[in-house]
């Protein structure tokens, strides 16, 4: 068996093991023998160099991946901004259209409501002339506030038999609170008749301009 020169380089030592077919080794995993010349031998420097190369390759790949990710983020961000802008423009246009449509509808409704209101007020004044009003037009006296009409039934024929308060409404119109209170007062029979007189002395004082606040002027 040839002598091993321990002063030789690691490479020479590896070459020696490759040429020598009488040196055997045993696998630590399966326990089977093998010729040392049949296996690939290396040493730490080559392994470290390869690991450094692989590390550099991995770092380069990582840098490339980070660059690709940044490019994708920029591209997606630009696309999202463009899409967001398109949606904002579309929503703004739709909002403007809806607002214009609402304005036209409100204006139209206001005009129609005004027409109905004016027509209703006109009809209130001439309601006694319509068939179905239920009272002789000549018996009707309009006051309009707070009640539209006071009807003196029978007045046209010379004898009043009933007195009726009439509030005329059009469509879905409702009575005001004061009108409801008048209706309730009539239902409770809180309706009265009073006669008042101005004395001759009162007329004379008023004519002469000598009327005073502490003097009773009406009986």
Protein backbone atom coordinates (compact mmCIF):
# COMPACT_ATOMS: atom_id res chain seq x y z
CA UNK A 1 0.00 0.00 0.00
CA UNK A 2 1.50 3.34 -0.99
CA UNK A 3 2.40 5.89 1.66
CA UNK A 4 0.22 9.00 2.07
CA UNK A 5 2.02 12.29 1.94
CA UNK A 6 0.36 14.27 4.68
CA UNK A 7 2.10 17.39 3.45
CA UNK A 8 0.39 17.16 0.10
CA UNK A 9 -2.61 19.23 -0.78
CA UNK A 10 -6.16 18.15 -0.07
CA UNK A 11 -6.66 17.68 -3.80
CA UNK A 12 -3.77 15.19 -3.96
CA UNK A 13 -5.25 13.30 -1.03
CA UNK A 14 -8.61 13.06 -2.74
CA UNK A 15 -6.98 11.85 -5.94
CA UNK A 16 -5.22 9.17 -3.93
CA UNK A 17 -8.52 7.88 -2.51
CA UNK A 18 -10.06 7.86 -5.97
CA UNK A 19 -7.23 5.73 -7.42
CA UNK A 20 -7.03 3.35 -4.52
CA UNK A 21 -9.57 0.53 -4.92
CA UNK A 22 -8.53 -1.37 -1.80
CA UNK A 23 -9.89 1.14 0.66
CA UNK A 24 -13.45 0.44 1.74
CA UNK A 25 -15.94 2.35 3.74
CA UNK A 26 -19.22 1.42 5.47
CA UNK A 27 -22.46 3.30 4.95
CA UNK A 28 -23.62 4.78 8.27
CA UNK A 29 -27.25 4.37 7.25
CA UNK A 30 -27.53 0.88 5.76
CA UNK A 31 -24.24 -0.64 7.01
CA UNK A 32 -23.14 -1.95 3.58
CA UNK A 33 -19.48 -1.66 2.51
CA UNK A 34 -18.41 0.40 -0.51
CA UNK A 35 -15.18 1.20 -2.29
CA UNK A 36 -13.91 4.60 -1.44
CA UNK A 37 -12.83 5.01 -5.05
CA UNK A 38 -16.44 4.55 -6.18
CA UNK A 39 -17.80 7.51 -4.31
CA UNK A 40 -17.50 11.20 -5.03
CA UNK A 41 -15.28 12.88 -2.52
CA UNK A 42 -15.13 16.57 -1.77
CA UNK A 43 -13.93 18.78 1.00
CA UNK A 44 -15.25 21.71 2.96
CA UNK A 45 -13.90 24.46 0.75
CA UNK A 46 -15.74 23.25 -2.33
CA UNK A 47 -18.96 22.78 -0.36
CA UNK A 48 -18.69 26.23 1.17
CA UNK A 49 -18.02 27.75 -2.23
CA UNK A 50 -21.04 26.01 -3.70
CA UNK A 51 -23.22 27.14 -0.81
CA UNK A 52 -22.02 30.70 -1.27
CA UNK A 53 -22.82 30.52 -4.97
CA UNK A 54 -26.25 29.14 -4.22
CA UNK A 55 -26.75 31.86 -1.59
CA UNK A 56 -25.80 34.55 -4.10
CA UNK A 57 -28.14 33.01 -6.67
CA UNK A 58 -30.95 32.93 -4.13
CA UNK A 59 -30.33 36.54 -3.16
CA UNK A 60 -30.31 37.56 -6.80
CA UNK A 61 -33.54 35.67 -7.37
CA UNK A 62 -35.06 37.30 -4.28
CA UNK A 63 -34.10 40.73 -5.57
CA UNK A 64 -35.62 39.91 -8.94
CA UNK A 65 -38.82 38.68 -7.29
CA UNK A 66 -39.05 41.83 -5.16
CA UNK A 67 -38.61 43.93 -8.29
CA UNK A 68 -41.33 41.97 -10.08
CA UNK A 69 -43.64 42.38 -7.07
CA UNK A 70 -43.04 46.13 -6.99
CA UNK A 71 -43.73 46.36 -10.73
CA UNK A 72 -46.93 44.37 -10.30
CA UNK A 73 -48.01 46.55 -7.38
CA UNK A 74 -47.40 49.71 -9.41
CA UNK A 75 -49.28 48.26 -12.38
CA UNK A 76 -52.20 47.11 -10.22
CA UNK A 77 -52.27 50.41 -8.34
CA UNK A 78 -52.43 52.33 -11.61
CA UNK A 79 -55.18 50.03 -12.87
CA UNK A 80 -57.13 50.39 -9.63
CA UNK A 81 -56.79 54.19 -9.71
CA UNK A 82 -58.00 54.27 -13.30
CA UNK A 83 -60.91 51.95 -12.45
CA UNK A 84 -61.76 54.00 -9.37
CA UNK A 85 -61.71 57.20 -11.40
CA UNK A 86 -64.01 55.68 -14.01
CA UNK A 87 -66.45 54.62 -11.31
CA UNK A 88 -66.31 58.04 -9.65
CA UNK A 89 -67.00 59.73 -12.97
CA UNK A 90 -69.85 57.32 -13.66
CA UNK A 91 -71.35 57.80 -10.19
CA UNK A 92 -71.03 61.57 -10.52
CA UNK A 93 -72.79 61.48 -13.89
CA UNK A 94 -75.52 59.24 -12.49
CA UNK A 95 -75.91 61.54 -9.47
CA UNK A 96 -76.19 64.59 -11.73
CA UNK A 97 -78.79 62.81 -13.86
CA UNK A 98 -80.76 61.74 -10.78
CA UNK A 99 -80.57 65.26 -9.33
CA UNK A 100 -81.76 66.83 -12.57
CA UNK A 101 -84.58 64.30 -12.81
CA UNK A 102 -85.59 64.97 -9.20
CA UNK A 103 -85.57 68.74 -9.82
CA UNK A 104 -87.79 68.33 -12.87
CA UNK A 105 -90.16 66.08 -10.93
CA UNK A 106 -90.30 68.46 -7.96
CA UNK A 107 -90.88 71.44 -10.24
CA UNK A 108 -93.61 69.56 -12.08
CA UNK A 109 -95.24 68.45 -8.82
CA UNK A 110 -95.05 71.99 -7.47
CA UNK A 111 -96.71 73.37 -10.60
CA UNK A 112 -99.40 70.69 -10.47
CA UNK A 113 -99.92 71.29 -6.75
CA UNK A 114 -100.15 75.01 -7.32
CA UNK A 115 -102.71 74.47 -10.06
CA UNK A 116 -104.72 72.15 -7.86
CA UNK A 117 -104.51 74.59 -4.96
CA UNK A 118 -105.61 77.54 -7.06
CA UNK A 119 -108.38 75.49 -8.62
CA UNK A 120 -109.47 74.35 -5.16
CA UNK A 121 -109.63 77.93 -3.89
CA UNK A 122 -111.65 78.93 -6.93
CA UNK A 123 -114.01 75.99 -6.49
CA UNK A 124 -114.45 76.88 -2.82
CA UNK A 125 -115.81 80.27 -3.82
CA UNK A 126 -118.26 78.91 -6.36
CA UNK A 127 -119.12 75.62 -4.62
CA UNK A 128 -122.68 76.74 -3.72
CA UNK A 129 -123.43 76.86 -7.45
CA UNK A 130 -122.60 73.18 -7.99
CA UNK A 131 -125.34 70.56 -8.02
CA UNK A 132 -125.19 68.48 -4.88
CA UNK A 133 -124.09 71.31 -2.58
CA UNK A 134 -127.33 70.76 -0.66
CA UNK A 135 -128.29 74.37 0.00
CA UNK A 136 -129.96 77.11 -1.99
CA UNK A 137 -127.24 79.43 -3.33
CA UNK A 138 -129.22 82.47 -2.18
CA UNK A 139 -129.11 81.20 1.42
CA UNK A 140 -125.30 81.03 1.46
CA UNK A 141 -123.08 83.74 2.90
CA UNK A 142 -119.32 83.31 2.29
CA UNK A 143 -116.89 84.32 5.03
CA UNK A 144 -113.98 82.01 4.01
CA UNK A 145 -112.10 82.50 7.29
CA UNK A 146 -112.16 80.54 9.45
CA UNK A 147 -115.11 78.75 7.81
CA UNK A 148 -115.97 79.04 4.15
CA UNK A 149 -119.75 79.52 4.35
CA UNK A 150 -122.57 80.16 6.75
CA UNK A 151 -125.87 78.93 5.31
CA UNK A 152 -129.18 80.42 6.43
CA UNK A 153 -131.53 77.77 5.12
CA UNK A 154 -134.91 79.26 4.16
CA UNK A 155 -133.63 82.80 3.84
CA UNK A 156 -134.53 82.88 0.14
CA UNK A 157 -138.14 82.00 1.00
CA UNK A 158 -138.36 84.54 3.83
CA UNK A 159 -137.99 82.34 6.92
CA UNK A 160 -134.76 80.86 8.24
CA UNK A 161 -135.22 77.34 9.54
CA UNK A 162 -131.62 76.22 10.06
CA UNK A 163 -128.16 77.76 10.28
CA UNK A 164 -125.30 75.63 8.95
CA UNK A 165 -121.56 76.13 8.90
CA UNK A 166 -119.97 74.69 5.76
CA UNK A 167 -116.25 74.12 5.19
CA UNK A 168 -115.49 73.13 1.61
CA UNK A 169 -112.44 70.95 0.86
CA UNK A 170 -111.02 69.58 -2.38
CA UNK A 171 -109.26 66.26 -2.81
CA UNK A 172 -107.55 65.08 0.37
CA UNK A 173 -107.68 68.46 2.11
CA UNK A 174 -108.11 68.39 5.89
CA UNK A 175 -109.62 70.80 8.34
CA UNK A 176 -107.38 72.95 10.47
CA UNK A 177 -107.43 72.78 14.25
CA UNK A 178 -109.50 75.93 14.52
CA UNK A 179 -112.05 74.56 12.05
CA UNK A 180 -112.27 71.34 14.05
CA UNK A 181 -112.87 73.35 17.22
CA UNK A 182 -115.74 75.20 15.51
CA UNK A 183 -117.25 71.88 14.44
CA UNK A 184 -116.95 70.53 17.97
CA UNK A 185 -118.53 73.67 19.44
CA UNK A 186 -121.53 73.24 17.12
CA UNK A 187 -121.84 69.56 18.06
CA UNK A 188 -121.82 70.53 21.74
CA UNK A 189 -124.59 73.03 20.94
CA UNK A 190 -122.35 75.88 22.02
CA UNK A 191 -124.02 78.15 19.45
CA UNK A 192 -125.66 81.34 20.66
CA UNK A 193 -127.56 84.35 19.36
CA UNK A 194 -126.98 87.79 20.79
CA UNK A 195 -128.59 91.15 20.08
CA UNK A 196 -126.61 94.29 20.77
CA UNK A 197 -127.65 97.97 20.43
CA UNK A 198 -125.97 101.31 20.13
CA UNK A 199 -127.91 103.86 22.19
CA UNK A 200 -128.82 107.27 20.79
CA UNK A 201 -126.60 108.84 23.41
CA UNK A 202 -123.72 106.70 22.13
CA UNK A 203 -124.34 107.81 18.56
CA UNK A 204 -124.45 111.46 19.68
CA UNK A 205 -121.18 111.15 21.61
CA UNK A 206 -119.47 109.44 18.70
CA UNK A 207 -120.76 112.11 16.32
CA UNK A 208 -119.48 114.89 18.55
CA UNK A 209 -116.18 113.07 19.10
CA UNK A 210 -116.67 113.02 22.83
CA UNK A 211 -116.74 109.24 23.35
CA UNK A 212 -114.68 108.13 26.35
CA UNK A 213 -113.25 104.67 27.13
CA UNK A 214 -114.86 104.38 30.56
CA UNK A 215 -118.36 104.98 29.27
CA UNK A 216 -120.43 101.99 28.14
CA UNK A 217 -121.26 102.54 24.52
CA UNK A 218 -123.04 99.30 23.59
CA UNK A 219 -126.01 97.70 25.32
